């Protein structure tokens, strides 16, 4: 059995395993001969259903010890990753995570389409209550978190992220965007943290 953890990647709102960052993670892990250690599910729109699915997929690894699983979460996936990290006690790397998605999801209630297909995507009003059940008011053991936040995020305010993950390893990118369009530059430090719990050289210190 490899001494490295399985990596659970959680995509963002209306996104999928075909998202840019998910593909970058998959490609890099394949180059490392670790593609079989990546878990990257399509998350249902319902937060409750999404977490039930993820628990089914991840519990077998987390039950072997918190060092056997690490999570990468992007945007809403970062919100989910925080709940899971608190539950399992494992490491989590968060990329422009949603800190409080309850604030502005009213405008997303209804039927639209997913980002990477023409499949309908329905966000129901009761899903906001489901999100409320997953909210972590204050993280414990900040050292198990790694935050990659962009000041140029046009969707979420990076200052909320920095405050919420105070004490965690933080790398604040000057500029960029919500998608972190240059994520190839950062994937190695994200995976290094997942594997070792240490911030990669040049990625900023815990603060």
C-alpha atoms as a PDB file:
ATOM      1  CA  UNK A   1       0.000   0.000   0.000  1.00  0.00           C
ATOM      2  CA  UNK A   2       1.360   3.406  -0.960  1.00  0.00           C
ATOM      3  CA  UNK A   3       2.326   5.671   1.897  1.00  0.00           C
ATOM      4  CA  UNK A   4       0.680   8.601   0.113  1.00  0.00           C
ATOM      5  CA  UNK A   5      -2.988   9.491   0.564  1.00  0.00           C
ATOM      6  CA  UNK A   6      -5.771   9.066  -1.902  1.00  0.00           C
ATOM      7  CA  UNK A   7      -6.805  12.467  -3.239  1.00  0.00           C
ATOM      8  CA  UNK A   8     -10.462  13.443  -3.329  1.00  0.00           C
ATOM      9  CA  UNK A   9     -11.143  16.304  -5.754  1.00  0.00           C
ATOM     10  CA  UNK A  10     -14.411  18.234  -5.305  1.00  0.00           C
ATOM     11  CA  UNK A  11     -15.469  20.549  -8.115  1.00  0.00           C
ATOM     12  CA  UNK A  12     -17.461  23.753  -7.786  1.00  0.00           C
ATOM     13  CA  UNK A  13     -21.043  24.869  -8.394  1.00  0.00           C
ATOM     14  CA  UNK A  14     -22.467  23.652 -11.729  1.00  0.00           C
ATOM     15  CA  UNK A  15     -19.057  22.212 -12.550  1.00  0.00           C
ATOM     16  CA  UNK A  16     -17.823  18.660 -13.171  1.00  0.00           C
ATOM     17  CA  UNK A  17     -14.789  16.355 -13.239  1.00  0.00           C
ATOM     18  CA  UNK A  18     -14.164  17.831 -16.698  1.00  0.00           C
ATOM     19  CA  UNK A  19     -13.339  21.232 -15.205  1.00  0.00           C
ATOM     20  CA  UNK A  20      -9.963  22.769 -15.955  1.00  0.00           C
ATOM     21  CA  UNK A  21      -8.468  22.317 -12.477  1.00  0.00           C
ATOM     22  CA  UNK A  22      -9.770  18.754 -12.139  1.00  0.00           C
ATOM     23  CA  UNK A  23      -8.134  17.876 -15.446  1.00  0.00           C
ATOM     24  CA  UNK A  24      -4.859  19.496 -14.358  1.00  0.00           C
ATOM     25  CA  UNK A  25      -4.867  17.441 -11.138  1.00  0.00           C
ATOM     26  CA  UNK A  26      -5.666  14.244 -13.038  1.00  0.00           C
ATOM     27  CA  UNK A  27      -2.950  14.864 -15.610  1.00  0.00           C
ATOM     28  CA  UNK A  28      -0.323  15.618 -12.948  1.00  0.00           C
ATOM     29  CA  UNK A  29      -1.236  12.558 -10.897  1.00  0.00           C
ATOM     30  CA  UNK A  30      -1.107  10.427 -14.049  1.00  0.00           C
ATOM     31  CA  UNK A  31       2.416  11.736 -14.692  1.00  0.00           C
ATOM     32  CA  UNK A  32       3.276  10.621 -11.154  1.00  0.00           C
ATOM     33  CA  UNK A  33       1.748   7.168 -11.807  1.00  0.00           C
ATOM     34  CA  UNK A  34      -0.914   7.948  -9.208  1.00  0.00           C
ATOM     35  CA  UNK A  35      -4.035   8.411 -11.331  1.00  0.00           C
ATOM     36  CA  UNK A  36      -5.575   5.399  -9.564  1.00  0.00           C
ATOM     37  CA  UNK A  37      -5.338   7.327  -6.268  1.00  0.00           C
ATOM     38  CA  UNK A  38      -7.565  10.169  -7.492  1.00  0.00           C
ATOM     39  CA  UNK A  39     -11.270  10.203  -6.613  1.00  0.00           C
ATOM     40  CA  UNK A  40     -13.138  12.811  -8.650  1.00  0.00           C
ATOM     41  CA  UNK A  41     -16.918  12.282  -8.638  1.00  0.00           C
ATOM     42  CA  UNK A  42     -19.648  14.215 -10.384  1.00  0.00           C
ATOM     43  CA  UNK A  43     -21.421  15.898  -7.479  1.00  0.00           C
ATOM     44  CA  UNK A  44     -25.223  16.109  -7.438  1.00  0.00           C
ATOM     45  CA  UNK A  45     -26.788  19.558  -7.151  1.00  0.00           C
ATOM     46  CA  UNK A  46     -28.191  18.644  -3.733  1.00  0.00           C
ATOM     47  CA  UNK A  47     -25.527  19.281  -1.058  1.00  0.00           C
ATOM     48  CA  UNK A  48     -26.998  16.497   1.090  1.00  0.00           C
ATOM     49  CA  UNK A  49     -26.848  14.011  -1.789  1.00  0.00           C
ATOM     50  CA  UNK A  50     -23.367  15.226  -2.738  1.00  0.00           C
ATOM     51  CA  UNK A  51     -21.993  14.562   0.740  1.00  0.00           C
ATOM     52  CA  UNK A  52     -23.732  11.195   0.983  1.00  0.00           C
ATOM     53  CA  UNK A  53     -22.015  10.199  -2.273  1.00  0.00           C
ATOM     54  CA  UNK A  54     -18.628  11.484  -1.158  1.00  0.00           C
ATOM     55  CA  UNK A  55     -18.858   9.757   2.217  1.00  0.00           C
ATOM     56  CA  UNK A  56     -19.548   6.482   0.427  1.00  0.00           C
ATOM     57  CA  UNK A  57     -16.504   6.980  -1.823  1.00  0.00           C
ATOM     58  CA  UNK A  58     -14.071   8.316   0.765  1.00  0.00           C
ATOM     59  CA  UNK A  59     -14.921   6.628   4.053  1.00  0.00           C
ATOM     60  CA  UNK A  60     -12.993   3.433   3.193  1.00  0.00           C
ATOM     61  CA  UNK A  61      -9.765   5.457   2.973  1.00  0.00           C
ATOM     62  CA  UNK A  62     -10.443   7.863   5.832  1.00  0.00           C
ATOM     63  CA  UNK A  63     -11.314   4.932   8.102  1.00  0.00           C
ATOM     64  CA  UNK A  64      -7.699   3.743   7.736  1.00  0.00           C
ATOM     65  CA  UNK A  65      -6.535   7.001   9.326  1.00  0.00           C
ATOM     66  CA  UNK A  66      -6.677  10.716   8.463  1.00  0.00           C
ATOM     67  CA  UNK A  67      -3.334  10.480   6.646  1.00  0.00           C
ATOM     68  CA  UNK A  68      -4.848   8.074   4.094  1.00  0.00           C
ATOM     69  CA  UNK A  69      -7.088  10.738   2.520  1.00  0.00           C
ATOM     70  CA  UNK A  70      -6.577  14.353   1.454  1.00  0.00           C
ATOM     71  CA  UNK A  71      -9.080  16.646  -0.216  1.00  0.00           C
ATOM     72  CA  UNK A  72      -8.790  19.339  -2.872  1.00  0.00           C
ATOM     73  CA  UNK A  73     -11.854  21.558  -3.096  1.00  0.00           C
ATOM     74  CA  UNK A  74     -12.547  24.354  -5.577  1.00  0.00           C
ATOM     75  CA  UNK A  75     -15.123  27.086  -4.931  1.00  0.00           C
ATOM     76  CA  UNK A  76     -18.229  25.334  -3.517  1.00  0.00           C
ATOM     77  CA  UNK A  77     -16.102  22.195  -3.444  1.00  0.00           C
ATOM     78  CA  UNK A  78     -13.881  24.025  -0.949  1.00  0.00           C
ATOM     79  CA  UNK A  79     -16.896  24.562   1.299  1.00  0.00           C
ATOM     80  CA  UNK A  80     -17.631  20.837   1.113  1.00  0.00           C
ATOM     81  CA  UNK A  81     -13.965  19.967   1.637  1.00  0.00           C
ATOM     82  CA  UNK A  82     -13.901  21.961   4.874  1.00  0.00           C
ATOM     83  CA  UNK A  83     -16.873  20.049   6.281  1.00  0.00           C
ATOM     84  CA  UNK A  84     -15.236  16.763   5.316  1.00  0.00           C
ATOM     85  CA  UNK A  85     -11.827  17.725   6.721  1.00  0.00           C
ATOM     86  CA  UNK A  86     -13.435  18.550  10.043  1.00  0.00           C
ATOM     87  CA  UNK A  87     -15.300  15.227   9.969  1.00  0.00           C
ATOM     88  CA  UNK A  88     -12.343  13.045   8.988  1.00  0.00           C
ATOM     89  CA  UNK A  89      -9.471  15.046  10.498  1.00  0.00           C
ATOM     90  CA  UNK A  90      -7.639  14.912   7.146  1.00  0.00           C
ATOM     91  CA  UNK A  91      -5.761  17.561   5.180  1.00  0.00           C
ATOM     92  CA  UNK A  92      -7.593  19.827   2.734  1.00  0.00           C
ATOM     93  CA  UNK A  93      -6.283  22.141   0.017  1.00  0.00           C
ATOM     94  CA  UNK A  94      -8.778  24.832  -0.925  1.00  0.00           C
ATOM     95  CA  UNK A  95      -8.732  26.797  -4.176  1.00  0.00           C
ATOM     96  CA  UNK A  96     -10.780  30.021  -4.019  1.00  0.00           C
ATOM     97  CA  UNK A  97     -13.210  28.299  -1.642  1.00  0.00           C
ATOM     98  CA  UNK A  98     -16.735  29.487  -0.951  1.00  0.00           C
ATOM     99  CA  UNK A  99     -16.756  30.510   2.715  1.00  0.00           C
ATOM    100  CA  UNK A 100     -20.457  31.306   3.055  1.00  0.00           C
ATOM    101  CA  UNK A 101     -22.359  30.187  -0.066  1.00  0.00           C
ATOM    102  CA  UNK A 102     -25.661  30.791   1.719  1.00  0.00           C
ATOM    103  CA  UNK A 103     -25.326  34.540   1.139  1.00  0.00           C
ATOM    104  CA  UNK A 104     -26.068  34.730  -2.560  1.00  0.00           C
ATOM    105  CA  UNK A 105     -27.441  31.402  -3.759  1.00  0.00           C
ATOM    106  CA  UNK A 106     -31.043  32.643  -3.851  1.00  0.00           C
ATOM    107  CA  UNK A 107     -30.337  34.037  -7.306  1.00  0.00           C
ATOM    108  CA  UNK A 108     -29.265  30.578  -8.493  1.00  0.00           C
ATOM    109  CA  UNK A 109     -32.512  28.815  -7.529  1.00  0.00           C
ATOM    110  CA  UNK A 110     -34.079  27.341 -10.658  1.00  0.00           C
ATOM    111  CA  UNK A 111     -33.079  25.339 -13.704  1.00  0.00           C
ATOM    112  CA  UNK A 112     -30.018  26.186 -15.775  1.00  0.00           C
ATOM    113  CA  UNK A 113     -27.323  24.067 -17.412  1.00  0.00           C
ATOM    114  CA  UNK A 114     -24.038  22.642 -16.226  1.00  0.00           C
ATOM    115  CA  UNK A 115     -20.835  24.394 -17.277  1.00  0.00           C
ATOM    116  CA  UNK A 116     -19.396  21.513 -19.246  1.00  0.00           C
ATOM    117  CA  UNK A 117     -22.489  20.072 -20.910  1.00  0.00           C
ATOM    118  CA  UNK A 118     -26.017  20.910 -21.982  1.00  0.00           C
ATOM    119  CA  UNK A 119     -27.418  18.788 -19.171  1.00  0.00           C
ATOM    120  CA  UNK A 120     -30.030  20.618 -17.099  1.00  0.00           C
ATOM    121  CA  UNK A 121     -28.887  21.683 -13.653  1.00  0.00           C
ATOM    122  CA  UNK A 122     -31.603  22.387 -11.090  1.00  0.00           C
ATOM    123  CA  UNK A 123     -30.798  24.123  -7.824  1.00  0.00           C
ATOM    124  CA  UNK A 124     -33.779  23.867  -5.474  1.00  0.00           C
ATOM    125  CA  UNK A 125     -34.557  26.261  -2.655  1.00  0.00           C
ATOM    126  CA  UNK A 126     -34.303  23.488  -0.071  1.00  0.00           C
ATOM    127  CA  UNK A 127     -30.673  23.010  -1.071  1.00  0.00           C
ATOM    128  CA  UNK A 128     -29.855  26.269   0.705  1.00  0.00           C
ATOM    129  CA  UNK A 129     -31.009  24.674   3.966  1.00  0.00           C
ATOM    130  CA  UNK A 130     -28.887  21.631   3.156  1.00  0.00           C
ATOM    131  CA  UNK A 131     -25.866  23.890   2.750  1.00  0.00           C
ATOM    132  CA  UNK A 132     -26.578  25.486   6.129  1.00  0.00           C
ATOM    133  CA  UNK A 133     -26.222  22.047   7.737  1.00  0.00           C
ATOM    134  CA  UNK A 134     -22.681  21.801   6.353  1.00  0.00           C
ATOM    135  CA  UNK A 135     -21.402  25.237   7.385  1.00  0.00           C
ATOM    136  CA  UNK A 136     -18.303  25.237   9.598  1.00  0.00           C
ATOM    137  CA  UNK A 137     -18.307  28.458  11.628  1.00  0.00           C
ATOM    138  CA  UNK A 138     -14.668  28.101  12.684  1.00  0.00           C
ATOM    139  CA  UNK A 139     -12.077  25.579  11.563  1.00  0.00           C
ATOM    140  CA  UNK A 140     -10.109  23.513  14.049  1.00  0.00           C
ATOM    141  CA  UNK A 141      -6.422  22.645  13.569  1.00  0.00           C
ATOM    142  CA  UNK A 142      -5.692  25.246  10.880  1.00  0.00           C
ATOM    143  CA  UNK A 143      -2.395  23.516  10.086  1.00  0.00           C
ATOM    144  CA  UNK A 144      -4.258  20.815   8.181  1.00  0.00           C
ATOM    145  CA  UNK A 145      -5.597  23.381   5.672  1.00  0.00           C
ATOM    146  CA  UNK A 146      -3.925  24.953   2.653  1.00  0.00           C
ATOM    147  CA  UNK A 147      -5.508  27.985   1.022  1.00  0.00           C
ATOM    148  CA  UNK A 148      -4.811  29.093  -2.538  1.00  0.00           C
ATOM    149  CA  UNK A 149      -6.683  32.367  -3.017  1.00  0.00           C
ATOM    150  CA  UNK A 150      -6.611  34.920  -5.826  1.00  0.00           C
ATOM    151  CA  UNK A 151      -7.034  38.642  -5.210  1.00  0.00           C
ATOM    152  CA  UNK A 152      -8.534  38.872  -8.709  1.00  0.00           C
ATOM    153  CA  UNK A 153     -11.342  36.399  -7.976  1.00  0.00           C
ATOM    154  CA  UNK A 154     -14.359  38.001  -9.656  1.00  0.00           C
ATOM    155  CA  UNK A 155     -16.898  35.731  -7.903  1.00  0.00           C
ATOM    156  CA  UNK A 156     -15.734  35.490  -4.276  1.00  0.00           C
ATOM    157  CA  UNK A 157     -13.831  37.876  -2.001  1.00  0.00           C
ATOM    158  CA  UNK A 158     -10.391  36.472  -1.204  1.00  0.00           C
ATOM    159  CA  UNK A 159     -10.350  38.464   2.073  1.00  0.00           C
ATOM    160  CA  UNK A 160     -13.184  36.313   3.411  1.00  0.00           C
ATOM    161  CA  UNK A 161     -11.096  33.234   2.626  1.00  0.00           C
ATOM    162  CA  UNK A 162      -7.968  34.598   4.293  1.00  0.00           C
ATOM    163  CA  UNK A 163      -9.941  35.440   7.440  1.00  0.00           C
ATOM    164  CA  UNK A 164     -11.852  32.155   7.595  1.00  0.00           C
ATOM    165  CA  UNK A 165      -8.674  30.080   7.226  1.00  0.00           C
ATOM    166  CA  UNK A 166      -6.550  32.181   9.563  1.00  0.00           C
ATOM    167  CA  UNK A 167      -3.548  30.225  10.779  1.00  0.00           C
ATOM    168  CA  UNK A 168      -3.596  27.885   7.795  1.00  0.00           C
ATOM    169  CA  UNK A 169      -0.901  27.670   5.142  1.00  0.00           C
ATOM    170  CA  UNK A 170      -1.902  30.420   2.715  1.00  0.00           C
ATOM    171  CA  UNK A 171      -0.749  31.360  -0.757  1.00  0.00           C
ATOM    172  CA  UNK A 172      -2.447  34.536  -1.933  1.00  0.00           C
ATOM    173  CA  UNK A 173      -2.016  35.087  -5.663  1.00  0.00           C
ATOM    174  CA  UNK A 174      -1.908  38.704  -6.738  1.00  0.00           C
ATOM    175  CA  UNK A 175      -4.422  38.976  -9.569  1.00  0.00           C
ATOM    176  CA  UNK A 176      -5.558  35.835 -11.402  1.00  0.00           C
ATOM    177  CA  UNK A 177      -9.286  34.962 -11.373  1.00  0.00           C
ATOM    178  CA  UNK A 178     -11.874  32.654  -9.816  1.00  0.00           C
ATOM    179  CA  UNK A 179     -10.859  29.740 -12.043  1.00  0.00           C
ATOM    180  CA  UNK A 180      -7.133  30.295 -11.316  1.00  0.00           C
ATOM    181  CA  UNK A 181      -6.477  30.085 -15.043  1.00  0.00           C
ATOM    182  CA  UNK A 182      -2.772  29.406 -14.483  1.00  0.00           C
ATOM    183  CA  UNK A 183      -3.411  26.513 -12.059  1.00  0.00           C
ATOM    184  CA  UNK A 184      -0.682  24.412 -13.717  1.00  0.00           C
ATOM    185  CA  UNK A 185       1.782  26.673 -11.885  1.00  0.00           C
ATOM    186  CA  UNK A 186       0.324  25.722  -8.500  1.00  0.00           C
ATOM    187  CA  UNK A 187      -0.774  22.093  -8.799  1.00  0.00           C
ATOM    188  CA  UNK A 188       2.534  20.727  -7.478  1.00  0.00           C
ATOM    189  CA  UNK A 189       2.388  22.773  -4.294  1.00  0.00           C
ATOM    190  CA  UNK A 190      -1.261  21.785  -3.770  1.00  0.00           C
ATOM    191  CA  UNK A 191      -0.431  18.088  -4.158  1.00  0.00           C
ATOM    192  CA  UNK A 192       2.687  18.451  -1.992  1.00  0.00           C
ATOM    193  CA  UNK A 193       0.552  19.784   0.838  1.00  0.00           C
ATOM    194  CA  UNK A 194      -1.960  16.976   0.403  1.00  0.00           C
ATOM    195  CA  UNK A 195       0.865  14.438   0.624  1.00  0.00           C
ATOM    196  CA  UNK A 196       3.005  15.896   3.409  1.00  0.00           C
ATOM    197  CA  UNK A 197       1.080  18.680   5.152  1.00  0.00           C
ATOM    198  CA  UNK A 198       3.894  21.082   4.312  1.00  0.00           C
ATOM    199  CA  UNK A 199       3.584  24.215   2.196  1.00  0.00           C
ATOM    200  CA  UNK A 200       5.819  23.952  -0.852  1.00  0.00           C
ATOM    201  CA  UNK A 201       8.793  26.280  -1.148  1.00  0.00           C
ATOM    202  CA  UNK A 202       7.716  29.739  -2.217  1.00  0.00           C
ATOM    203  CA  UNK A 203       4.044  29.128  -1.550  1.00  0.00           C
ATOM    204  CA  UNK A 204       3.729  31.360   1.477  1.00  0.00           C
ATOM    205  CA  UNK A 205       3.873  30.547   5.145  1.00  0.00           C
ATOM    206  CA  UNK A 206       1.144  29.730   7.625  1.00  0.00           C
ATOM    207  CA  UNK A 207      -0.298  32.945   8.936  1.00  0.00           C
END
